Protein backbone atom coordinates (compact mmCIF):
# COMPACT_ATOMS: atom_id res chain seq x y z
CA MET A 1 11.13 21.89 -6.68
CA SER A 2 11.19 21.47 -10.48
CA GLN A 3 8.27 19.95 -12.39
CA SER A 4 10.46 17.12 -13.73
CA HIS A 5 11.56 16.23 -10.20
CA PHE A 6 7.93 16.15 -9.04
CA LYS A 7 6.89 13.85 -11.91
CA LYS A 8 9.85 11.57 -11.22
CA ASN A 9 8.81 11.16 -7.58
CA LEU A 10 5.03 11.22 -8.09
CA LYS A 11 4.75 7.48 -7.42
CA THR A 12 6.70 7.89 -4.18
CA TYR A 13 4.44 10.76 -3.04
CA ILE A 14 1.38 8.60 -3.69
CA GLU A 15 2.97 5.79 -1.67
CA CYS A 16 3.65 8.23 1.18
CA LEU A 17 0.00 9.29 1.17
CA PHE A 18 -1.16 5.65 1.12
CA TYR A 19 1.05 4.64 4.07
CA ALA A 20 0.12 7.83 5.94
CA CYS A 21 -3.55 6.81 5.63
CA ALA A 22 -2.67 3.29 6.81
CA SER A 23 -0.87 4.65 9.89
CA SER A 24 -3.76 6.95 10.81
CA PHE A 25 -6.38 4.22 10.47
CA LEU A 26 -4.25 1.79 12.49
CA PHE A 27 -3.89 4.37 15.27
CA ALA A 28 -7.67 4.87 15.30
CA THR A 29 -8.18 1.21 16.25
CA LEU A 30 -7.37 -0.29 19.66
CA VAL A 31 -5.12 -3.19 18.59
CA GLY A 32 -3.84 -1.58 15.40
CA ALA A 33 -2.34 1.32 17.37
CA LEU A 34 0.63 -0.95 18.11
CA LEU A 35 1.49 -0.88 14.40
CA ALA A 36 0.92 2.83 13.79
CA PRO A 37 4.66 3.62 13.20
CA ALA A 38 5.16 0.58 10.92
CA PRO A 39 4.03 2.27 7.65
CA HIS A 40 6.52 5.10 8.27
CA PHE A 41 9.29 2.59 8.97
CA TYR A 42 8.50 0.89 5.67
CA ILE A 43 8.90 4.22 3.86
CA LEU A 44 12.10 4.84 5.84
CA ALA A 45 13.52 1.47 4.77
CA LYS A 46 12.50 1.70 1.12
CA LYS A 47 12.51 5.44 0.29
CA GLY A 48 14.66 7.18 2.91
CA LYS A 49 14.33 9.69 5.76
CA PRO A 50 12.79 12.70 3.91
CA PHE A 51 9.87 10.64 2.60
CA ALA A 52 9.39 8.99 6.02
CA LEU A 53 9.03 12.46 7.58
CA LEU A 54 6.60 13.47 4.81
CA SER A 55 4.53 10.34 5.47
CA PHE A 56 4.42 11.15 9.19
CA ALA A 57 3.39 14.79 8.58
CA LEU A 58 0.53 13.67 6.34
CA SER A 59 -0.63 11.02 8.82
CA SER A 60 -0.65 13.56 11.69
CA ILE A 61 -3.07 15.76 9.73
CA LEU A 62 -5.18 12.74 8.77
CA THR A 63 -5.29 11.56 12.42
CA LEU A 64 -6.71 14.93 13.51
CA PHE A 65 -9.26 14.75 10.67
CA ILE A 66 -10.30 11.12 11.32
CA MET A 67 -10.49 11.20 15.13
CA ASN A 68 -11.51 14.87 15.46
CA ASN A 69 -9.79 14.97 18.85
CA MET A 70 -6.88 17.24 19.75
CA ASN A 71 -5.63 14.91 22.53
CA ALA A 72 -5.52 11.97 20.09
CA PHE A 73 -3.61 14.15 17.63
CA LEU A 74 -1.17 15.17 20.39
CA ILE A 75 -0.63 11.55 21.51
CA TYR A 76 -0.02 10.43 17.92
CA SER A 77 2.34 13.30 17.16
CA VAL A 78 4.38 12.91 20.35
CA PHE A 79 4.72 9.13 20.54
CA VAL A 80 4.77 8.05 16.89
CA GLY A 81 6.70 11.11 15.76
CA SER A 82 9.34 10.94 18.50
CA PHE A 83 9.72 7.18 18.01
CA LEU A 84 10.30 7.69 14.28
CA VAL A 85 12.81 10.50 14.86
CA PHE A 86 14.76 8.58 17.53
CA VAL A 87 15.04 5.55 15.24
CA MET A 88 16.16 7.78 12.36
CA LEU A 89 18.85 9.28 14.59
CA GLN A 90 20.02 5.81 15.61
CA THR A 91 20.24 4.66 11.97
CA SER A 92 23.07 7.15 11.40
CA LYS A 93 25.33 4.99 13.59
CA LYS A 94 27.63 2.47 11.96
CA VAL A 95 26.62 -0.46 14.19
CA LEU A 96 22.92 -0.66 14.91
CA THR A 97 21.22 -3.31 17.07
CA SER A 98 17.58 -3.89 17.96
CA GLN A 99 18.45 -3.78 21.66
CA LEU A 100 20.19 -0.40 21.29
CA ILE A 101 17.14 1.09 19.57
CA LEU A 102 14.77 -0.45 22.13
CA GLN A 103 16.74 0.96 25.07
CA SER A 104 17.06 4.48 23.66
CA THR A 105 13.49 4.77 22.39
CA GLY A 106 12.08 3.13 25.53
CA LEU A 107 13.76 5.74 27.73
CA SER A 108 12.71 8.55 25.41
CA LEU A 109 9.07 7.40 25.30
CA PHE A 110 9.08 7.15 29.10
CA ILE A 111 10.26 10.77 29.42
CA LEU A 112 7.83 11.96 26.75
CA SER A 113 4.91 10.30 28.53
CA PHE A 114 5.43 12.60 31.53
CA PHE A 115 5.67 15.58 29.18
CA LEU A 116 2.43 14.54 27.50
CA ILE A 117 0.63 14.06 30.84
CA SER A 118 1.67 17.55 31.96
CA LYS A 119 0.50 19.11 28.69
CA VAL A 120 -2.84 17.30 28.50
CA GLY A 121 -3.39 18.06 32.17
CA LEU A 122 -4.38 14.60 33.32
CA ASN A 123 -5.59 14.37 36.90
CA TYR A 124 -6.07 11.16 38.89
CA GLU A 125 -9.39 12.22 40.42
CA ASN A 126 -10.78 13.34 37.07
CA ILE A 127 -9.63 10.13 35.38
CA HIS A 128 -11.06 8.02 38.23
CA HIS A 129 -14.41 9.81 38.04
CA GLY A 130 -14.52 9.53 34.24
CA LEU A 131 -13.60 5.84 34.33
CA THR A 132 -16.21 5.10 37.02
CA THR A 133 -18.88 6.89 34.95
CA TYR A 134 -17.86 4.93 31.85
CA ILE A 135 -18.04 1.61 33.76
CA GLN A 136 -21.48 2.47 35.12
CA SER A 137 -22.82 3.35 31.65
CA SER A 138 -21.32 0.13 30.24
CA GLN A 139 -22.94 -1.88 33.04
CA LYS A 140 -26.40 -0.54 32.14
CA ILE A 141 -25.95 -1.75 28.55
CA LEU A 142 -24.45 -5.15 29.42
CA ASN A 143 -26.92 -5.88 32.23
CA ALA A 144 -29.68 -5.86 29.63
CA GLU A 145 -28.04 -8.81 27.85
CA PRO A 146 -29.25 -12.20 29.21
CA ARG A 147 -26.23 -14.08 27.84
CA PHE A 148 -23.82 -11.73 29.60
CA LEU A 149 -25.66 -12.08 32.92
CA GLU A 150 -25.62 -15.86 32.58
CA LYS A 151 -21.83 -15.88 32.15
CA LEU A 152 -21.41 -13.29 34.92
CA ASN A 153 -23.28 -15.46 37.43
CA LYS A 154 -20.88 -18.36 36.79
CA ASN A 155 -17.88 -16.42 38.20
CA VAL A 156 -18.37 -15.31 41.82
CA GLU A 157 -15.26 -13.09 41.89
CA ILE A 158 -16.16 -11.17 38.74
CA LYS A 159 -19.81 -10.89 39.83
CA LYS A 160 -18.73 -9.32 43.13
CA MET A 161 -16.39 -6.90 41.34
CA TRP A 162 -19.09 -6.02 38.79
CA LYS A 163 -21.28 -4.57 41.54
CA GLN A 164 -18.56 -2.14 42.65
CA PRO A 165 -17.72 0.25 39.75
CA HIS A 166 -15.74 2.61 42.03
CA GLU A 167 -13.46 -0.25 43.16
CA MET A 168 -13.15 -1.46 39.55
CA ALA A 169 -11.88 1.97 38.48
CA THR A 170 -9.41 2.03 41.39
CA GLY A 171 -8.10 -1.44 40.49
CA ILE A 172 -7.60 -0.52 36.84
CA LEU A 173 -5.76 2.72 37.66
CA ASN A 174 -3.57 1.05 40.31
CA GLN A 175 -2.27 -1.43 37.76
CA ALA A 176 -2.17 1.00 34.81
CA PRO A 177 1.60 1.84 35.07
CA SER A 178 2.74 -1.74 34.40
CA TYR A 179 0.28 -2.17 31.54
CA ILE A 180 1.43 1.12 29.96
CA ILE A 181 5.11 0.12 30.25
CA ALA A 182 4.44 -3.36 28.82
CA PHE A 183 2.41 -1.82 25.99
CA SER A 184 5.22 0.68 25.25
CA LEU A 185 7.84 -2.09 25.13
CA LEU A 186 5.64 -4.19 22.86
CA PHE A 187 4.90 -1.11 20.74
CA ALA A 188 8.62 -0.42 20.26
CA LEU A 189 9.65 -4.06 19.81
CA ILE A 190 7.12 -4.99 17.11
CA ASN A 191 7.96 -1.97 14.97
CA ILE A 192 11.73 -2.44 15.41
CA LEU A 193 11.45 -6.08 14.30
CA LEU A 194 9.48 -5.01 11.23
CA LEU A 195 12.10 -2.37 10.38
CA ARG A 196 14.77 -5.04 10.81
CA LYS A 197 12.92 -7.28 8.34
CA TRP A 198 12.47 -4.50 5.78
CA SER A 199 16.03 -3.15 6.00
CA THR A 200 18.58 -5.72 7.21
CA LYS A 201 21.51 -3.56 6.07
CA LEU A 202 20.81 -1.06 8.87
CA PHE A 203 21.40 -3.64 11.58
CA SER A 204 24.48 -5.42 12.85
CA LYS A 205 24.84 -8.89 11.36
CA LYS A 206 26.41 -10.09 14.63
CA GLU A 207 23.17 -9.58 16.57
CA ASN A 208 21.25 -12.81 17.08
CA LEU A 209 17.82 -12.19 18.61
CA LYS A 210 17.29 -15.91 19.11
CA MET A 211 20.05 -15.81 21.76
CA TRP A 212 18.66 -12.71 23.52
CA LYS A 213 18.53 -12.67 27.31
CA ALA A 214 17.06 -10.24 29.81
CA PRO A 215 19.60 -8.21 31.86
CA GLU A 216 20.82 -10.17 34.88
CA PHE A 217 19.64 -7.56 37.42
CA MET A 218 16.03 -8.22 36.36
CA ILE A 219 15.92 -11.38 38.47
CA TRP A 220 16.62 -9.35 41.61
CA VAL A 221 13.94 -6.80 40.71
CA LEU A 222 11.50 -9.69 40.30
CA ILE A 223 12.42 -11.27 43.66
CA VAL A 224 12.13 -7.94 45.52
CA SER A 225 8.76 -7.30 43.82
CA PHE A 226 7.46 -10.58 45.25
CA LEU A 227 8.26 -9.69 48.88
CA PRO A 228 5.40 -7.21 49.62
CA ILE A 229 2.97 -9.62 47.89
CA ILE A 230 4.12 -12.60 49.97
CA PHE A 231 4.00 -10.65 53.27
CA ASP A 232 0.84 -8.70 52.23
CA LYS A 233 2.28 -5.26 52.97
CA GLU A 234 -0.09 -2.59 51.68
CA PRO A 235 0.32 -0.23 49.78
CA PHE A 236 3.54 -1.87 48.59
CA VAL A 237 1.51 -4.74 47.10
CA VAL A 238 0.35 -2.40 44.33
CA ILE A 239 3.93 -1.23 43.66
CA GLY A 240 5.28 -4.79 43.78
CA SER A 241 2.62 -6.17 41.43
CA ASN A 242 3.36 -3.43 38.88
CA PHE A 243 7.11 -4.17 38.94
CA LEU A 244 6.41 -7.90 38.85
CA ARG A 245 4.20 -7.60 35.78
CA VAL A 246 6.89 -5.66 33.87
CA CYS A 247 9.61 -8.18 34.84
CA LEU A 248 7.46 -11.14 33.78
CA PHE A 249 6.70 -9.44 30.46
CA ILE A 250 10.44 -9.12 29.82
CA TYR A 251 10.91 -12.81 30.69
CA PHE A 252 8.02 -13.55 28.35
CA LEU A 253 10.09 -12.01 25.55
CA GLN A 254 13.08 -14.13 26.62
CA GLY A 255 10.85 -17.20 26.52
CA LEU A 256 9.77 -16.36 22.97
CA SER A 257 13.44 -16.06 22.07
CA VAL A 258 14.12 -19.55 23.51
CA PHE A 259 11.21 -21.07 21.58
CA SER A 260 12.31 -19.34 18.35
CA PHE A 261 15.79 -20.79 18.83
CA MET A 262 14.41 -24.30 19.29
CA PHE A 263 12.04 -23.98 16.33
CA GLU A 264 14.90 -22.83 14.08
CA ARG A 265 17.04 -25.80 15.12
CA ARG A 266 14.16 -28.15 14.38
CA LYS A 267 13.54 -26.37 11.05
CA LEU A 268 9.82 -25.98 11.67
CA PRO A 269 7.72 -23.97 9.17
CA PHE A 270 7.46 -20.26 10.03
CA LEU A 271 3.63 -20.26 10.00
CA PHE A 272 3.59 -23.16 12.46
CA GLN A 273 5.98 -21.26 14.73
CA ILE A 274 3.72 -18.18 14.78
CA LEU A 275 0.54 -20.16 15.44
CA PHE A 276 2.16 -22.30 18.14
CA LEU A 277 3.67 -19.31 19.96
CA ALA A 278 0.33 -17.47 19.76
CA LEU A 279 -1.42 -20.49 21.29
CA LEU A 280 1.14 -20.76 24.11
CA SER A 281 0.84 -17.03 24.81
CA LEU A 282 -2.96 -17.13 25.03
CA ILE A 283 -3.10 -20.03 27.54
CA ASN A 284 -2.66 -18.16 30.82
CA ILE A 285 -2.76 -19.06 34.51
CA PRO A 286 -3.86 -16.22 36.84
CA LEU A 287 -1.53 -15.46 39.76
CA PRO A 288 -3.45 -13.51 42.47
CA THR A 289 -1.32 -10.67 43.87
CA GLY A 290 -4.10 -8.62 45.48
CA GLU A 291 -7.79 -8.52 46.31
CA ASP A 292 -9.04 -7.00 43.04
CA ILE A 293 -9.00 -9.03 39.85
CA PHE A 294 -7.01 -6.37 37.94
CA SER A 295 -4.00 -6.97 40.17
CA HIS A 296 -3.87 -10.63 39.10
CA ILE A 297 -0.89 -11.45 36.91
CA LEU A 298 -1.35 -13.86 34.01
CA ILE A 299 1.47 -16.37 33.61
CA ASN A 300 1.99 -18.45 30.47
CA LEU A 301 4.51 -21.04 29.29
CA PRO A 302 6.87 -18.62 27.44
CA MET A 303 7.09 -16.56 30.66
CA MET A 304 8.02 -19.61 32.74
CA ILE A 305 10.56 -20.80 30.15
CA GLY A 306 12.15 -17.33 30.00
CA PHE A 307 12.36 -17.21 33.81
CA CYS A 308 13.85 -20.75 34.08
CA ASP A 309 16.32 -19.94 31.30
CA VAL A 310 18.12 -17.63 33.75
CA TRP A 311 19.38 -20.71 35.63
CA PHE A 312 19.18 -23.55 33.13
CA ASP A 313 20.45 -21.72 30.01
CA PHE A 314 18.50 -23.97 27.64
CA ARG A 315 20.08 -22.71 24.40
CA ASN A 316 23.70 -23.25 25.44
CA ARG A 317 22.77 -26.67 26.83
CA TYR A 318 21.17 -27.54 23.51
CA ASN A 319 24.22 -26.34 21.56
CA ASN A 320 26.60 -28.31 23.83
CA ALA A 321 24.45 -31.44 23.49
CA SER A 322 24.47 -31.07 19.69
CA LYS A 323 28.26 -30.72 19.64
CA ARG A 324 28.69 -33.84 21.79
CA SER A 325 26.40 -35.84 19.51
CA LEU A 326 28.61 -34.97 16.52
CA LEU A 327 31.76 -36.29 18.21
């Protein structure tokens, strides 16, 4: 590499280092981990593939330095790195859609998760023991807080669960698959939408996310998932509740799509849309699907709207009503 070339791209190298630091620090936080690939996608959109790979390589080293944990480094490298590479491979296609990227990366991340588990050597008994120990140590700290005990005594179900750390660990692990899948879908979706915003030329102009619908077969998966819960058939209740949670999360996304469509037609301010959707998403009704509280499924309005949209097709009805009003 010539000296003149290095000076010409010095600003870009500094930007790569800055966004690499941002990605590593985001990954080190619980909520920010969802946005860990976003800085690399920004470099991909603005500077191109080579600089995006450079940014990722720098952030991998920084992640190992910041977290000082080889497993964290491995998780970051496998998931963020593979996600970035799969998206880069998809961008070489002439027609690119958000759904195409989501499907391909979702499947790839699912396969890589099993690879990662085998490499790290995760074991259910070891995880269960470690989680139980962590819960017990957390209980000792929280039980010393009078305010926490006061709130705990107000909820009989949580108070009963709180006294059984072994059962708490079992409940969390039983429902972990659906939470991991939902987290992975959200992880992929948020970063794809950001890439779409930063580089619209990569995506098909025909794709309209505000008209997005879940695949039709999902309704049958949801109905079948309900059966063991209704008839209380153990251990299928655990399997059914996991499938049900994933299906409802997908219908939650469809509900958000319906609301976005309606907001656009009403020409509401973007900030109002975000705040209103966040409020609707946070107001949840628990649906008990098992004895432990971790098996309960939280239902909100976007979920119910997305589910009802399967039969009522709100957006087409709205469009047809608008056309009739113009006649």
